[in-house]
Amino acid sequence: MEKEDQILDMLHEIKGTLNEHSTTLNEHTSILQAHSQKFAEHDQKFAENKQILDALRHGQESLQAEMSELRLQNAKGFGELKEQIGEIELSVELLQEETLGNKKDIRRMQKTLVMG
């Protein structure tokens, strides 16, 4: 009988160990379920953040395109202004020459009138 008692004691120890392991496994299962839920929440957040970043990137690309267009328009406008300034400078130069010629003509006429 002694052997049977030893075997029964060993089986009770094994059963106790199995119960402890079952408890530990149940705890780990609940921890893993909590982690799975957190991972699902993080996946959702990542998806939301991806959408936000995609929208920002698209907006930034649109703004960059607008900036490029504005730069092009400014460069074109600046080129036109330079051309107009060049024409104005030429007109002013011609007016100065014409004014100088008119002054010379007026002096000649004054001299002619004074002499005559």
PDB file of N, CA and C in Angstrom:
ATOM      1  N   MET A   1       0.790  -1.188   0.000  1.00  0.00           N
ATOM      2  CA  MET A   1       0.000   0.000   0.000  1.00  0.00           C
ATOM      3  C   MET A   1       0.842   1.267   0.000  1.00  0.00           C
ATOM      4  N   GLU A   2       1.962   1.100   0.514  1.00  0.00           N
ATOM      5  CA  GLU A   2       2.857   2.245   0.595  1.00  0.00           C
ATOM      6  C   GLU A   2       3.161   2.808  -0.797  1.00  0.00           C
ATOM      7  N   LYS A   3       3.327   1.925  -1.738  1.00  0.00           N
ATOM      8  CA  LYS A   3       3.614   2.376  -3.106  1.00  0.00           C
ATOM      9  C   LYS A   3       2.393   3.097  -3.674  1.00  0.00           C
ATOM     10  N   GLU A   4       1.230   2.589  -3.387  1.00  0.00           N
ATOM     11  CA  GLU A   4       0.019   3.220  -3.888  1.00  0.00           C
ATOM     12  C   GLU A   4      -0.136   4.614  -3.295  1.00  0.00           C
ATOM     13  N   ASP A   5       0.206   4.757  -2.020  1.00  0.00           N
ATOM     14  CA  ASP A   5       0.136   6.075  -1.375  1.00  0.00           C
ATOM     15  C   ASP A   5       1.141   7.036  -2.005  1.00  0.00           C
ATOM     16  N   GLN A   6       2.321   6.519  -2.280  1.00  0.00           N
ATOM     17  CA  GLN A   6       3.347   7.362  -2.915  1.00  0.00           C
ATOM     18  C   GLN A   6       2.865   7.815  -4.300  1.00  0.00           C
ATOM     19  N   ILE A   7       2.283   6.865  -5.036  1.00  0.00           N
ATOM     20  CA  ILE A   7       1.793   7.194  -6.382  1.00  0.00           C
ATOM     21  C   ILE A   7       0.662   8.224  -6.281  1.00  0.00           C
ATOM     22  N   LEU A   8      -0.238   8.020  -5.313  1.00  0.00           N
ATOM     23  CA  LEU A   8      -1.338   8.968  -5.130  1.00  0.00           C
ATOM     24  C   LEU A   8      -0.813  10.347  -4.733  1.00  0.00           C
ATOM     25  N   ASP A   9       0.195  10.379  -3.848  1.00  0.00           N
ATOM     26  CA  ASP A   9       0.802  11.662  -3.461  1.00  0.00           C
ATOM     27  C   ASP A   9       1.430  12.344  -4.675  1.00  0.00           C
ATOM     28  N   MET A  10       2.119  11.546  -5.473  1.00  0.00           N
ATOM     29  CA  MET A  10       2.756  12.108  -6.674  1.00  0.00           C
ATOM     30  C   MET A  10       1.689  12.633  -7.646  1.00  0.00           C
ATOM     31  N   LEU A  11       0.607  11.885  -7.790  1.00  0.00           N
ATOM     32  CA  LEU A  11      -0.469  12.327  -8.676  1.00  0.00           C
ATOM     33  C   LEU A  11      -1.113  13.614  -8.158  1.00  0.00           C
ATOM     34  N   HIS A  12      -1.257  13.727  -6.827  1.00  0.00           N
ATOM     35  CA  HIS A  12      -1.801  14.962  -6.247  1.00  0.00           C
ATOM     36  C   HIS A  12      -0.846  16.133  -6.497  1.00  0.00           C
ATOM     37  N   GLU A  13       0.454  15.883  -6.373  1.00  0.00           N
ATOM     38  CA  GLU A  13       1.443  16.936  -6.655  1.00  0.00           C
ATOM     39  C   GLU A  13       1.356  17.350  -8.122  1.00  0.00           C
ATOM     40  N   ILE A  14       1.274  16.342  -8.992  1.00  0.00           N
ATOM     41  CA  ILE A  14       1.180  16.634 -10.428  1.00  0.00           C
ATOM     42  C   ILE A  14      -0.106  17.405 -10.714  1.00  0.00           C
ATOM     43  N   LYS A  15      -1.207  16.985 -10.077  1.00  0.00           N
ATOM     44  CA  LYS A  15      -2.475  17.680 -10.264  1.00  0.00           C
ATOM     45  C   LYS A  15      -2.366  19.121  -9.779  1.00  0.00           C
ATOM     46  N   GLY A  16      -1.690  19.350  -8.644  1.00  0.00           N
ATOM     47  CA  GLY A  16      -1.490  20.708  -8.131  1.00  0.00           C
ATOM     48  C   GLY A  16      -0.659  21.537  -9.101  1.00  0.00           C
ATOM     49  N   THR A  17       0.400  20.906  -9.614  1.00  0.00           N
ATOM     50  CA  THR A  17       1.251  21.604 -10.586  1.00  0.00           C
ATOM     51  C   THR A  17       0.447  21.932 -11.838  1.00  0.00           C
ATOM     52  N   LEU A  18      -0.359  20.976 -12.297  1.00  0.00           N
ATOM     53  CA  LEU A  18      -1.197  21.217 -13.476  1.00  0.00           C
ATOM     54  C   LEU A  18      -2.201  22.336 -13.216  1.00  0.00           C
ATOM     55  N   ASN A  19      -2.762  22.378 -12.026  1.00  0.00           N
ATOM     56  CA  ASN A  19      -3.692  23.463 -11.680  1.00  0.00           C
ATOM     57  C   ASN A  19      -2.978  24.814 -11.689  1.00  0.00           C
ATOM     58  N   GLU A  20      -1.753  24.850 -11.126  1.00  0.00           N
ATOM     59  CA  GLU A  20      -0.963  26.092 -11.145  1.00  0.00           C
ATOM     60  C   GLU A  20      -0.679  26.506 -12.585  1.00  0.00           C
ATOM     61  N   HIS A  21      -0.287  25.523 -13.402  1.00  0.00           N
ATOM     62  CA  HIS A  21       0.013  25.829 -14.806  1.00  0.00           C
ATOM     63  C   HIS A  21      -1.242  26.291 -15.540  1.00  0.00           C
ATOM     64  N   SER A  22      -2.380  25.695 -15.236  1.00  0.00           N
ATOM     65  CA  SER A  22      -3.642  26.121 -15.851  1.00  0.00           C
ATOM     66  C   SER A  22      -3.957  27.562 -15.470  1.00  0.00           C
ATOM     67  N   THR A  23      -3.755  27.882 -14.187  1.00  0.00           N
ATOM     68  CA  THR A  23      -3.988  29.257 -13.731  1.00  0.00           C
ATOM     69  C   THR A  23      -3.049  30.219 -14.456  1.00  0.00           C
ATOM     70  N   THR A  24      -1.767  29.835 -14.543  1.00  0.00           N
ATOM     71  CA  THR A  24      -0.783  30.680 -15.231  1.00  0.00           C
ATOM     72  C   THR A  24      -1.162  30.834 -16.701  1.00  0.00           C
ATOM     73  N   LEU A  25      -1.571  29.744 -17.343  1.00  0.00           N
ATOM     74  CA  LEU A  25      -1.979  29.811 -18.749  1.00  0.00           C
ATOM     75  C   LEU A  25      -3.208  30.694 -18.922  1.00  0.00           C
ATOM     76  N   ASN A  26      -4.147  30.612 -18.004  1.00  0.00           N
ATOM     77  CA  ASN A  26      -5.332  31.474 -18.075  1.00  0.00           C
ATOM     78  C   ASN A  26      -4.945  32.945 -17.937  1.00  0.00           C
ATOM     79  N   GLU A  27      -4.013  33.224 -17.013  1.00  0.00           N
ATOM     80  CA  GLU A  27      -3.529  34.604 -16.850  1.00  0.00           C
ATOM     81  C   GLU A  27      -2.849  35.075 -18.135  1.00  0.00           C
ATOM     82  N   HIS A  28      -2.007  34.214 -18.695  1.00  0.00           N
ATOM     83  CA  HIS A  28      -1.304  34.581 -19.932  1.00  0.00           C
ATOM     84  C   HIS A  28      -2.289  34.769 -21.085  1.00  0.00           C
ATOM     85  N   THR A  29      -3.321  33.949 -21.113  1.00  0.00           N
ATOM     86  CA  THR A  29      -4.344  34.086 -22.155  1.00  0.00           C
ATOM     87  C   THR A  29      -5.031  35.440 -22.046  1.00  0.00           C
ATOM     88  N   SER A  30      -5.383  35.845 -20.830  1.00  0.00           N
ATOM     89  CA  SER A  30      -6.046  37.149 -20.670  1.00  0.00           C
ATOM     90  C   SER A  30      -5.083  38.285 -21.016  1.00  0.00           C
ATOM     91  N   ILE A  31      -3.795  38.120 -20.652  1.00  0.00           N
ATOM     92  CA  ILE A  31      -2.798  39.146 -21.004  1.00  0.00           C
ATOM     93  C   ILE A  31      -2.665  39.234 -22.521  1.00  0.00           C
ATOM     94  N   LEU A  32      -2.597  38.075 -23.189  1.00  0.00           N
ATOM     95  CA  LEU A  32      -2.488  38.068 -24.648  1.00  0.00           C
ATOM     96  C   LEU A  32      -3.727  38.669 -25.308  1.00  0.00           C
ATOM     97  N   GLN A  33      -4.894  38.411 -24.737  1.00  0.00           N
ATOM     98  CA  GLN A  33      -6.115  39.010 -25.279  1.00  0.00           C
ATOM     99  C   GLN A  33      -6.079  40.529 -25.135  1.00  0.00           C
ATOM    100  N   ALA A  34      -5.586  40.998 -23.982  1.00  0.00           N
ATOM    101  CA  ALA A  34      -5.465  42.450 -23.777  1.00  0.00           C
ATOM    102  C   ALA A  34      -4.484  43.039 -24.782  1.00  0.00           C
ATOM    103  N   HIS A  35      -3.379  42.327 -25.010  1.00  0.00           N
ATOM    104  CA  HIS A  35      -2.390  42.802 -25.983  1.00  0.00           C
ATOM    105  C   HIS A  35      -2.973  42.796 -27.393  1.00  0.00           C
ATOM    106  N   SER A  36      -3.744  41.765 -27.708  1.00  0.00           N
ATOM    107  CA  SER A  36      -4.388  41.709 -29.029  1.00  0.00           C
ATOM    108  C   SER A  36      -5.323  42.893 -29.217  1.00  0.00           C
ATOM    109  N   GLN A  37      -6.052  43.232 -28.164  1.00  0.00           N
ATOM    110  CA  GLN A  37      -6.958  44.378 -28.239  1.00  0.00           C
ATOM    111  C   GLN A  37      -6.161  45.666 -28.437  1.00  0.00           C
ATOM    112  N   LYS A  38      -5.045  45.805 -27.695  1.00  0.00           N
ATOM    113  CA  LYS A  38      -4.208  46.999 -27.849  1.00  0.00           C
ATOM    114  C   LYS A  38      -3.626  47.063 -29.255  1.00  0.00           C
ATOM    115  N   PHE A  39      -3.191  45.908 -29.783  1.00  0.00           N
ATOM    116  CA  PHE A  39      -2.664  45.891 -31.146  1.00  0.00           C
ATOM    117  C   PHE A  39      -3.737  46.308 -32.148  1.00  0.00           C
ATOM    118  N   ALA A  40      -4.954  45.847 -31.941  1.00  0.00           N
ATOM    119  CA  ALA A  40      -6.055  46.235 -32.832  1.00  0.00           C
ATOM    120  C   ALA A  40      -6.298  47.742 -32.749  1.00  0.00           C
ATOM    121  N   GLU A  41      -6.258  48.292 -31.531  1.00  0.00           N
ATOM    122  CA  GLU A  41      -6.429  49.742 -31.358  1.00  0.00           C
ATOM    123  C   GLU A  41      -5.292  50.494 -32.044  1.00  0.00           C
ATOM    124  N   HIS A  42      -4.066  49.983 -31.889  1.00  0.00           N
ATOM    125  CA  HIS A  42      -2.914  50.632 -32.520  1.00  0.00           C
ATOM    126  C   HIS A  42      -3.018  50.561 -34.042  1.00  0.00           C
ATOM    127  N   ASP A  43      -3.473  49.419 -34.558  1.00  0.00           N
ATOM    128  CA  ASP A  43      -3.673  49.303 -36.001  1.00  0.00           C
ATOM    129  C   ASP A  43      -4.662  50.350 -36.495  1.00  0.00           C
ATOM    130  N   GLN A  44      -5.737  50.518 -35.740  1.00  0.00           N
ATOM    131  CA  GLN A  44      -6.743  51.508 -36.119  1.00  0.00           C
ATOM    132  C   GLN A  44      -6.141  52.913 -36.081  1.00  0.00           C
ATOM    133  N   LYS A  45      -5.377  53.207 -35.023  1.00  0.00           N
ATOM    134  CA  LYS A  45      -4.741  54.531 -34.911  1.00  0.00           C
ATOM    135  C   LYS A  45      -3.759  54.750 -36.054  1.00  0.00           C
ATOM    136  N   PHE A  46      -2.976  53.699 -36.374  1.00  0.00           N
ATOM    137  CA  PHE A  46      -2.027  53.819 -37.479  1.00  0.00           C
ATOM    138  C   PHE A  46      -2.757  54.093 -38.792  1.00  0.00           C
ATOM    139  N   ALA A  47      -3.881  53.420 -38.998  1.00  0.00           N
ATOM    140  CA  ALA A  47      -4.661  53.650 -40.219  1.00  0.00           C
ATOM    141  C   ALA A  47      -5.171  55.091 -40.263  1.00  0.00           C
ATOM    142  N   GLU A  48      -5.668  55.591 -39.125  1.00  0.00           N
ATOM    143  CA  GLU A  48      -6.150  56.978 -39.064  1.00  0.00           C
ATOM    144  C   GLU A  48      -5.005  57.951 -39.321  1.00  0.00           C
ATOM    145  N   ASN A  49      -3.864  57.702 -38.674  1.00  0.00           N
ATOM    146  CA  ASN A  49      -2.707  58.583 -38.856  1.00  0.00           C
ATOM    147  C   ASN A  49      -2.199  58.539 -40.293  1.00  0.00           C
ATOM    148  N   LYS A  50      -2.269  57.360 -40.914  1.00  0.00           N
ATOM    149  CA  LYS A  50      -1.853  57.239 -42.312  1.00  0.00           C
ATOM    150  C   LYS A  50      -2.742  58.102 -43.190  1.00  0.00           C
ATOM    151  N   GLN A  51      -4.056  58.058 -42.936  1.00  0.00           N
ATOM    152  CA  GLN A  51      -4.977  58.888 -43.714  1.00  0.00           C
ATOM    153  C   GLN A  51      -4.667  60.370 -43.523  1.00  0.00           C
ATOM    154  N   ILE A  52      -4.393  60.746 -42.278  1.00  0.00           N
ATOM    155  CA  ILE A  52      -4.069  62.152 -41.991  1.00  0.00           C
ATOM    156  C   ILE A  52      -2.785  62.552 -42.707  1.00  0.00           C
ATOM    157  N   LEU A  53      -1.761  61.693 -42.611  1.00  0.00           N
ATOM    158  CA  LEU A  53      -0.486  61.994 -43.269  1.00  0.00           C
ATOM    159  C   LEU A  53      -0.636  62.046 -44.787  1.00  0.00           C
ATOM    160  N   ASP A  54      -1.431  61.130 -45.343  1.00  0.00           N
ATOM    161  CA  ASP A  54      -1.671  61.158 -46.787  1.00  0.00           C
ATOM    162  C   ASP A  54      -2.351  62.459 -47.195  1.00  0.00           C
ATOM    163  N   ALA A  55      -3.336  62.880 -46.388  1.00  0.00           N
ATOM    164  CA  ALA A  55      -4.030  64.142 -46.683  1.00  0.00           C
ATOM    165  C   ALA A  55      -3.065  65.323 -46.582  1.00  0.00           C
ATOM    166  N   LEU A  56      -2.216  65.306 -45.552  1.00  0.00           N
ATOM    167  CA  LEU A  56      -1.230  66.386 -45.399  1.00  0.00           C
ATOM    168  C   LEU A  56      -0.251  66.395 -46.564  1.00  0.00           C
ATOM    169  N   ARG A  57       0.198  65.203 -46.954  1.00  0.00           N
ATOM    170  CA  ARG A  57       1.146  65.104 -48.068  1.00  0.00           C
ATOM    171  C   ARG A  57       0.505  65.627 -49.345  1.00  0.00           C
ATOM    172  N   HIS A  58      -0.756  65.247 -49.573  1.00  0.00           N
ATOM    173  CA  HIS A  58      -1.464  65.722 -50.764  1.00  0.00           C
ATOM    174  C   HIS A  58      -1.617  67.245 -50.712  1.00  0.00           C
ATOM    175  N   GLY A  59      -1.978  67.749 -49.525  1.00  0.00           N
ATOM    176  CA  GLY A  59      -2.107  69.199 -49.366  1.00  0.00           C
ATOM    177  C   GLY A  59      -0.792  69.908 -49.598  1.00  0.00           C
ATOM    178  N   GLN A  60       0.284  69.315 -49.087  1.00  0.00           N
ATOM    179  CA  GLN A  60       1.606  69.912 -49.265  1.00  0.00           C
ATOM    180  C   GLN A  60       1.993  69.909 -50.744  1.00  0.00           C
ATOM    181  N   GLU A  61       1.701  68.808 -51.435  1.00  0.00           N
ATOM    182  CA  GLU A  61       2.007  68.748 -52.859  1.00  0.00           C
ATOM    183  C   GLU A  61       1.204  69.791 -53.625  1.00  0.00           C
ATOM    184  N   SER A  62      -0.050  69.978 -53.229  1.00  0.00           N
ATOM    185  CA  SER A  62      -0.883  70.997 -53.880  1.00  0.00           C
ATOM    186  C   SER A  62      -0.304  72.387 -53.636  1.00  0.00           C
ATOM    187  N   LEU A  63       0.105  72.638 -52.395  1.00  0.00           N
ATOM    188  CA  LEU A  63       0.697  73.947 -52.076  1.00  0.00           C
ATOM    189  C   LEU A  63       1.996  74.162 -52.844  1.00  0.00           C
ATOM    190  N   GLN A  64       2.803  73.115 -52.959  1.00  0.00           N
ATOM    191  CA  GLN A  64       4.049  73.236 -53.715  1.00  0.00           C
ATOM    192  C   GLN A  64       3.758  73.534 -55.181  1.00  0.00           C
ATOM    193  N   ALA A  65       2.732  72.895 -55.733  1.00  0.00           N
ATOM    194  CA  ALA A  65       2.359  73.161 -57.123  1.00  0.00           C
ATOM    195  C   ALA A  65       1.900  74.612 -57.272  1.00  0.00           C
ATOM    196  N   GLU A  66       1.109  75.089 -56.316  1.00  0.00           N
ATOM    197  CA  GLU A  66       0.658  76.483 -56.356  1.00  0.00           C
ATOM    198  C   GLU A  66       1.841  77.438 -56.246  1.00  0.00           C
ATOM    199  N   MET A  67       2.785  77.111 -55.351  1.00  0.00           N
ATOM    200  CA  MET A  67       3.972  77.962 -55.191  1.00  0.00           C
ATOM    201  C   MET A  67       4.778  78.004 -56.491  1.00  0.00           C
ATOM    202  N   SER A  68       4.933  76.854 -57.129  1.00  0.00           N
ATOM    203  CA  SER A  68       5.661  76.816 -58.400  1.00  0.00           C
ATOM    204  C   SER A  68       4.960  77.673 -59.444  1.00  0.00           C
ATOM    205  N   GLU A  69       3.640  77.572 -59.477  1.00  0.00           N
ATOM    206  CA  GLU A  69       2.874  78.370 -60.433  1.00  0.00           C
ATOM    207  C   GLU A  69       3.028  79.862 -60.133  1.00  0.00           C
ATOM    208  N   LEU A  70       2.969  80.222 -58.844  1.00  0.00           N
ATOM    209  CA  LEU A  70       3.147  81.631 -58.466  1.00  0.00           C
ATOM    210  C   LEU A  70       4.541  82.131 -58.826  1.00  0.00           C
ATOM    211  N   ARG A  71       5.553  81.290 -58.596  1.00  0.00           N
ATOM    212  CA  ARG A  71       6.919  81.691 -58.959  1.00  0.00           C
ATOM    213  C   ARG A  71       7.026  81.932 -60.460  1.00  0.00           C
ATOM    214  N   LEU A  72       6.416  81.043 -61.229  1.00  0.00           N
ATOM    215  CA  LEU A  72       6.442  81.184 -62.676  1.00  0.00           C
ATOM    216  C   LEU A  72       5.736  82.466 -63.102  1.00  0.00           C
ATOM    217  N   GLN A  73       4.570  82.737 -62.507  1.00  0.00           N
ATOM    218  CA  GLN A  73       3.838  83.963 -62.828  1.00  0.00           C
ATOM    219  C   GLN A  73       4.645  85.196 -62.432  1.00  0.00           C
ATOM    220  N   ASN A  74       5.290  85.145 -61.251  1.00  0.00           N
ATOM    221  CA  ASN A  74       6.111  86.275 -60.803  1.00  0.00           C
ATOM    222  C   ASN A  74       7.285  86.501 -61.743  1.00  0.00           C
ATOM    223  N   ALA A  75       7.922  85.407 -62.158  1.00  0.00           N
ATOM    224  CA  ALA A  75       9.058  85.539 -63.072  1.00  0.00           C
ATOM    225  C   ALA A  75       8.592  86.143 -64.394  1.00  0.00           C
ATOM    226  N   LYS A  76       7.440  85.687 -64.878  1.00  0.00           N
ATOM    227  CA  LYS A  76       6.894  86.221 -66.127  1.00  0.00           C
ATOM    228  C   LYS A  76       6.564  87.705 -65.959  1.00  0.00           C
ATOM    229  N   GLY A  77       5.891  88.038 -64.840  1.00  0.00           N
ATOM    230  CA  GLY A  77       5.552  89.437 -64.572  1.00  0.00           C
ATOM    231  C   GLY A  77       6.793  90.301 -64.430  1.00  0.00           C
ATOM    232  N   PHE A  78       7.818  89.761 -63.766  1.00  0.00           N
ATOM    233  CA  PHE A  78       9.059  90.510 -63.595  1.00  0.00           C
ATOM    234  C   PHE A  78       9.727  90.739 -64.945  1.00  0.00           C
ATOM    235  N   GLY A  79       9.696  89.721 -65.797  1.00  0.00           N
ATOM    236  CA  GLY A  79      10.271  89.869 -67.140  1.00  0.00           C
ATOM    237  C   GLY A  79       9.549  90.943 -67.928  1.00  0.00           C
ATOM    238  N   GLU A  80       8.213  90.951 -67.826  1.00  0.00           N
ATOM    239  CA  GLU A  80       7.430  91.975 -68.521  1.00  0.00           C
ATOM    240  C   GLU A  80       7.752  93.365 -67.978  1.00  0.00           C
ATOM    241  N   LEU A  81       7.884  93.473 -66.655  1.00  0.00           N
ATOM    242  CA  LEU A  81       8.224  94.770 -66.052  1.00  0.00           C
ATOM    243  C   LEU A  81       9.598  95.249 -66.509  1.00  0.00           C
ATOM    244  N   LYS A  82      10.558  94.323 -66.567  1.00  0.00           N
ATOM    245  CA  LYS A  82      11.894  94.708 -67.035  1.00  0.00           C
ATOM    246  C   LYS A  82      11.829  95.218 -68.468  1.00  0.00           C
ATOM    247  N   GLU A  83      11.027  94.541 -69.273  1.00  0.00           N
ATOM    248  CA  GLU A  83      10.881  94.959 -70.670  1.00  0.00           C
ATOM    249  C   GLU A  83      10.254  96.352 -70.740  1.00  0.00           C
ATOM    250  N   GLN A  84       9.206  96.586 -69.937  1.00  0.00           N
ATOM    251  CA  GLN A  84       8.550  97.896 -69.922  1.00  0.00           C
ATOM    252  C   GLN A  84       9.502  98.978 -69.428  1.00  0.00           C
ATOM    253  N   ILE A  85      10.289  98.652 -68.401  1.00  0.00           N
ATOM    254  CA  ILE A  85      11.259  99.629 -67.879  1.00  0.00           C
ATOM    255  C   ILE A  85      12.282  99.962 -68.952  1.00  0.00           C
ATOM    256  N   GLY A  86      12.717  98.934 -69.681  1.00  0.00           N
ATOM    257  CA  GLY A  86      13.663  99.179 -70.777  1.00  0.00           C
ATOM    258  C   GLY A  86      13.069 100.106 -71.822  1.00  0.00           C
ATOM    259  N   GLU A  87      11.798  99.891 -72.171  1.00  0.00           N
ATOM    260  CA  GLU A  87      11.127 100.754 -73.148  1.00  0.00           C
ATOM    261  C   GLU A  87      10.990 102.173 -72.611  1.00  0.00           C
ATOM    262  N   ILE A  88      10.656 102.291 -71.323  1.00  0.00           N
ATOM    263  CA  ILE A  88      10.515 103.621 -70.708  1.00  0.00           C
ATOM    264  C   ILE A  88      11.857 104.339 -70.697  1.00  0.00           C
ATOM    265  N   GLU A  89      12.921 103.617 -70.356  1.00  0.00           N
ATOM    266  CA  GLU A  89      14.254 104.233 -70.352  1.00  0.00           C
ATOM    267  C   GLU A  89      14.606 104.737 -71.744  1.00  0.00           C
ATOM    268  N   LEU A  90      14.274 103.933 -72.756  1.00  0.00           N
ATOM    269  CA  LEU A  90      14.547 104.337 -74.129  1.00  0.00           C
ATOM    270  C   LEU A  90      13.733 105.583 -74.482  1.00  0.00           C
ATOM    271  N   SER A  91      12.463 105.611 -74.072  1.00  0.00           N
ATOM    272  CA  SER A  91      11.611 106.776 -74.343  1.00  0.00           C
ATOM    273  C   SER A  91      12.143 108.017 -73.638  1.00  0.00           C
ATOM    274  N   VAL A  92      12.583 107.858 -72.388  1.00  0.00           N
ATOM    275  CA  VAL A  92      13.136 108.991 -71.637  1.00  0.00           C
ATOM    276  C   VAL A  92      14.395 109.501 -72.328  1.00  0.00           C
ATOM    277  N   GLU A  93      15.216 108.589 -72.796  1.00  0.00           N
ATOM    278  CA  GLU A  93      16.452 108.979 -73.482  1.00  0.00           C
ATOM    279  C   GLU A  93      16.122 109.760 -74.758  1.00  0.00           C
ATOM    280  N   LEU A  94      15.138 109.253 -75.514  1.00  0.00           N
ATOM    281  CA  LEU A  94      14.727 109.962 -76.734  1.00  0.00           C
ATOM    282  C   LEU A  94      14.149 111.334 -76.402  1.00  0.00           C
ATOM    283  N   LEU A  95      13.345 111.403 -75.316  1.00  0.00           N
ATOM    284  CA  LEU A  95      12.782 112.696 -74.897  1.00  0.00           C
ATOM    285  C   LEU A  95      13.877 113.670 -74.489  1.00  0.00           C
ATOM    286  N   GLN A  96      14.901 113.160 -73.796  1.00  0.00           N
ATOM    287  CA  GLN A  96      16.012 114.028 -73.398  1.00  0.00           C
ATOM    288  C   GLN A  96      16.734 114.571 -74.629  1.00  0.00           C
ATOM    289  N   GLU A  97      16.966 113.701 -75.611  1.00  0.00           N
ATOM    290  CA  GLU A  97      17.632 114.159 -76.835  1.00  0.00           C
ATOM    291  C   GLU A  97      16.762 115.179 -77.567  1.00  0.00           C
ATOM    292  N   GLU A  98      15.457 114.888 -77.628  1.00  0.00           N
ATOM    293  CA  GLU A  98      14.532 115.796 -78.303  1.00  0.00           C
ATOM    294  C   GLU A  98      14.459 117.134 -77.566  1.00  0.00           C
ATOM    295  N   THR A  99      14.430 117.083 -76.230  1.00  0.00           N
ATOM    296  CA  THR A  99      14.394 118.306 -75.428  1.00  0.00           C
ATOM    297  C   THR A  99      15.666 119.118 -75.640  1.00  0.00           C
ATOM    298  N   LEU A 100      16.794 118.440 -75.668  1.00  0.00           N
ATOM    299  CA  LEU A 100      18.063 119.129 -75.900  1.00  0.00           C
ATOM    300  C   LEU A 100      18.058 119.785 -77.278  1.00  0.00           C
ATOM    301  N   GLY A 101      17.551 119.060 -78.278  1.00  0.00           N
ATOM    302  CA  GLY A 101      17.453 119.630 -79.629  1.00  0.00           C
ATOM    303  C   GLY A 101      16.529 120.831 -79.647  1.00  0.00           C
ATOM    304  N   ASN A 102      15.404 120.741 -78.936  1.00  0.00           N
ATOM    305  CA  ASN A 102      14.462 121.868 -78.874  1.00  0.00           C
ATOM    306  C   ASN A 102      15.096 123.071 -78.186  1.00  0.00           C
ATOM    307  N   LYS A 103      15.862 122.834 -77.130  1.00  0.00           N
ATOM    308  CA  LYS A 103      16.530 123.941 -76.427  1.00  0.00           C
ATOM    309  C   LYS A 103      17.523 124.626 -77.359  1.00  0.00           C
ATOM    310  N   LYS A 104      18.252 123.812 -78.122  1.00  0.00           N
ATOM    311  CA  LYS A 104      19.217 124.395 -79.070  1.00  0.00           C
ATOM    312  C   LYS A 104      18.486 125.235 -80.115  1.00  0.00           C
ATOM    313  N   ASP A 105      17.356 124.700 -80.614  1.00  0.00           N
ATOM    314  CA  ASP A 105      16.578 125.448 -81.603  1.00  0.00           C
ATOM    315  C   ASP A 105      16.055 126.752 -81.010  1.00  0.00           C
ATOM    316  N   ILE A 106      15.588 126.715 -79.760  1.00  0.00           N
ATOM    317  CA  ILE A 106      15.068 127.919 -79.101  1.00  0.00           C
ATOM    318  C   ILE A 106      16.181 128.947 -78.955  1.00  0.00           C
ATOM    319  N   ARG A 107      17.374 128.532 -78.573  1.00  0.00           N
ATOM    320  CA  ARG A 107      18.497 129.475 -78.419  1.00  0.00           C
ATOM    321  C   ARG A 107      18.870 130.099 -79.766  1.00  0.00           C
ATOM    322  N   ARG A 108      18.864 129.242 -80.791  1.00  0.00           N
ATOM    323  CA  ARG A 108      19.173 129.776 -82.114  1.00  0.00           C
ATOM    324  C   ARG A 108      18.140 130.825 -82.524  1.00  0.00           C
ATOM    325  N   MET A 109      16.877 130.516 -82.256  1.00  0.00           N
ATOM    326  CA  MET A 109      15.815 131.473 -82.603  1.00  0.00           C
ATOM    327  C   MET A 109      15.954 132.756 -81.799  1.00  0.00           C
ATOM    328  N   GLN A 110      16.311 132.601 -80.506  1.00  0.00           N
ATOM    329  CA  GLN A 110      16.484 133.791 -79.666  1.00  0.00           C
ATOM    330  C   GLN A 110      17.643 134.630 -80.199  1.00  0.00           C
ATOM    331  N   LYS A 111      18.731 133.973 -80.579  1.00  0.00           N
ATOM    332  CA  LYS A 111      19.883 134.708 -81.112  1.00  0.00           C
ATOM    333  C   LYS A 111      19.512 135.393 -82.423  1.00  0.00           C
ATOM    334  N   THR A 112      18.739 134.675 -83.228  1.00  0.00           N
ATOM    335  CA  THR A 112      18.333 135.242 -84.506  1.00  0.00           C
ATOM    336  C   THR A 112      17.427 136.453 -84.278  1.00  0.00           C
ATOM    337  N   LEU A 113      16.510 136.370 -83.320  1.00  0.00           N
ATOM    338  CA  LEU A 113      15.604 137.471 -83.035  1.00  0.00           C
ATOM    339  C   LEU A 113      16.347 138.658 -82.425  1.00  0.00           C
ATOM    340  N   VAL A 114      17.322 138.350 -81.577  1.00  0.00           N
ATOM    341  CA  VAL A 114      18.086 139.420 -80.939  1.00  0.00           C
ATOM    342  C   VAL A 114      18.935 140.136 -81.992  1.00  0.00           C
ATOM    343  N   MET A 115      19.493 139.434 -82.915  1.00  0.00           N
ATOM    344  CA  MET A 115      20.338 140.031 -83.931  1.00  0.00           C
ATOM    345  C   MET A 115      19.520 140.784 -84.966  1.00  0.00           C
ATOM    346  N   GLY A 116      18.345 140.340 -85.179  1.00  0.00           N
ATOM    347  CA  GLY A 116      17.599 140.915 -86.268  1.00  0.00           C
ATOM    348  C   GLY A 116      16.767 142.075 -85.947  1.00  0.00           C
TER     349      GLY A 116
END
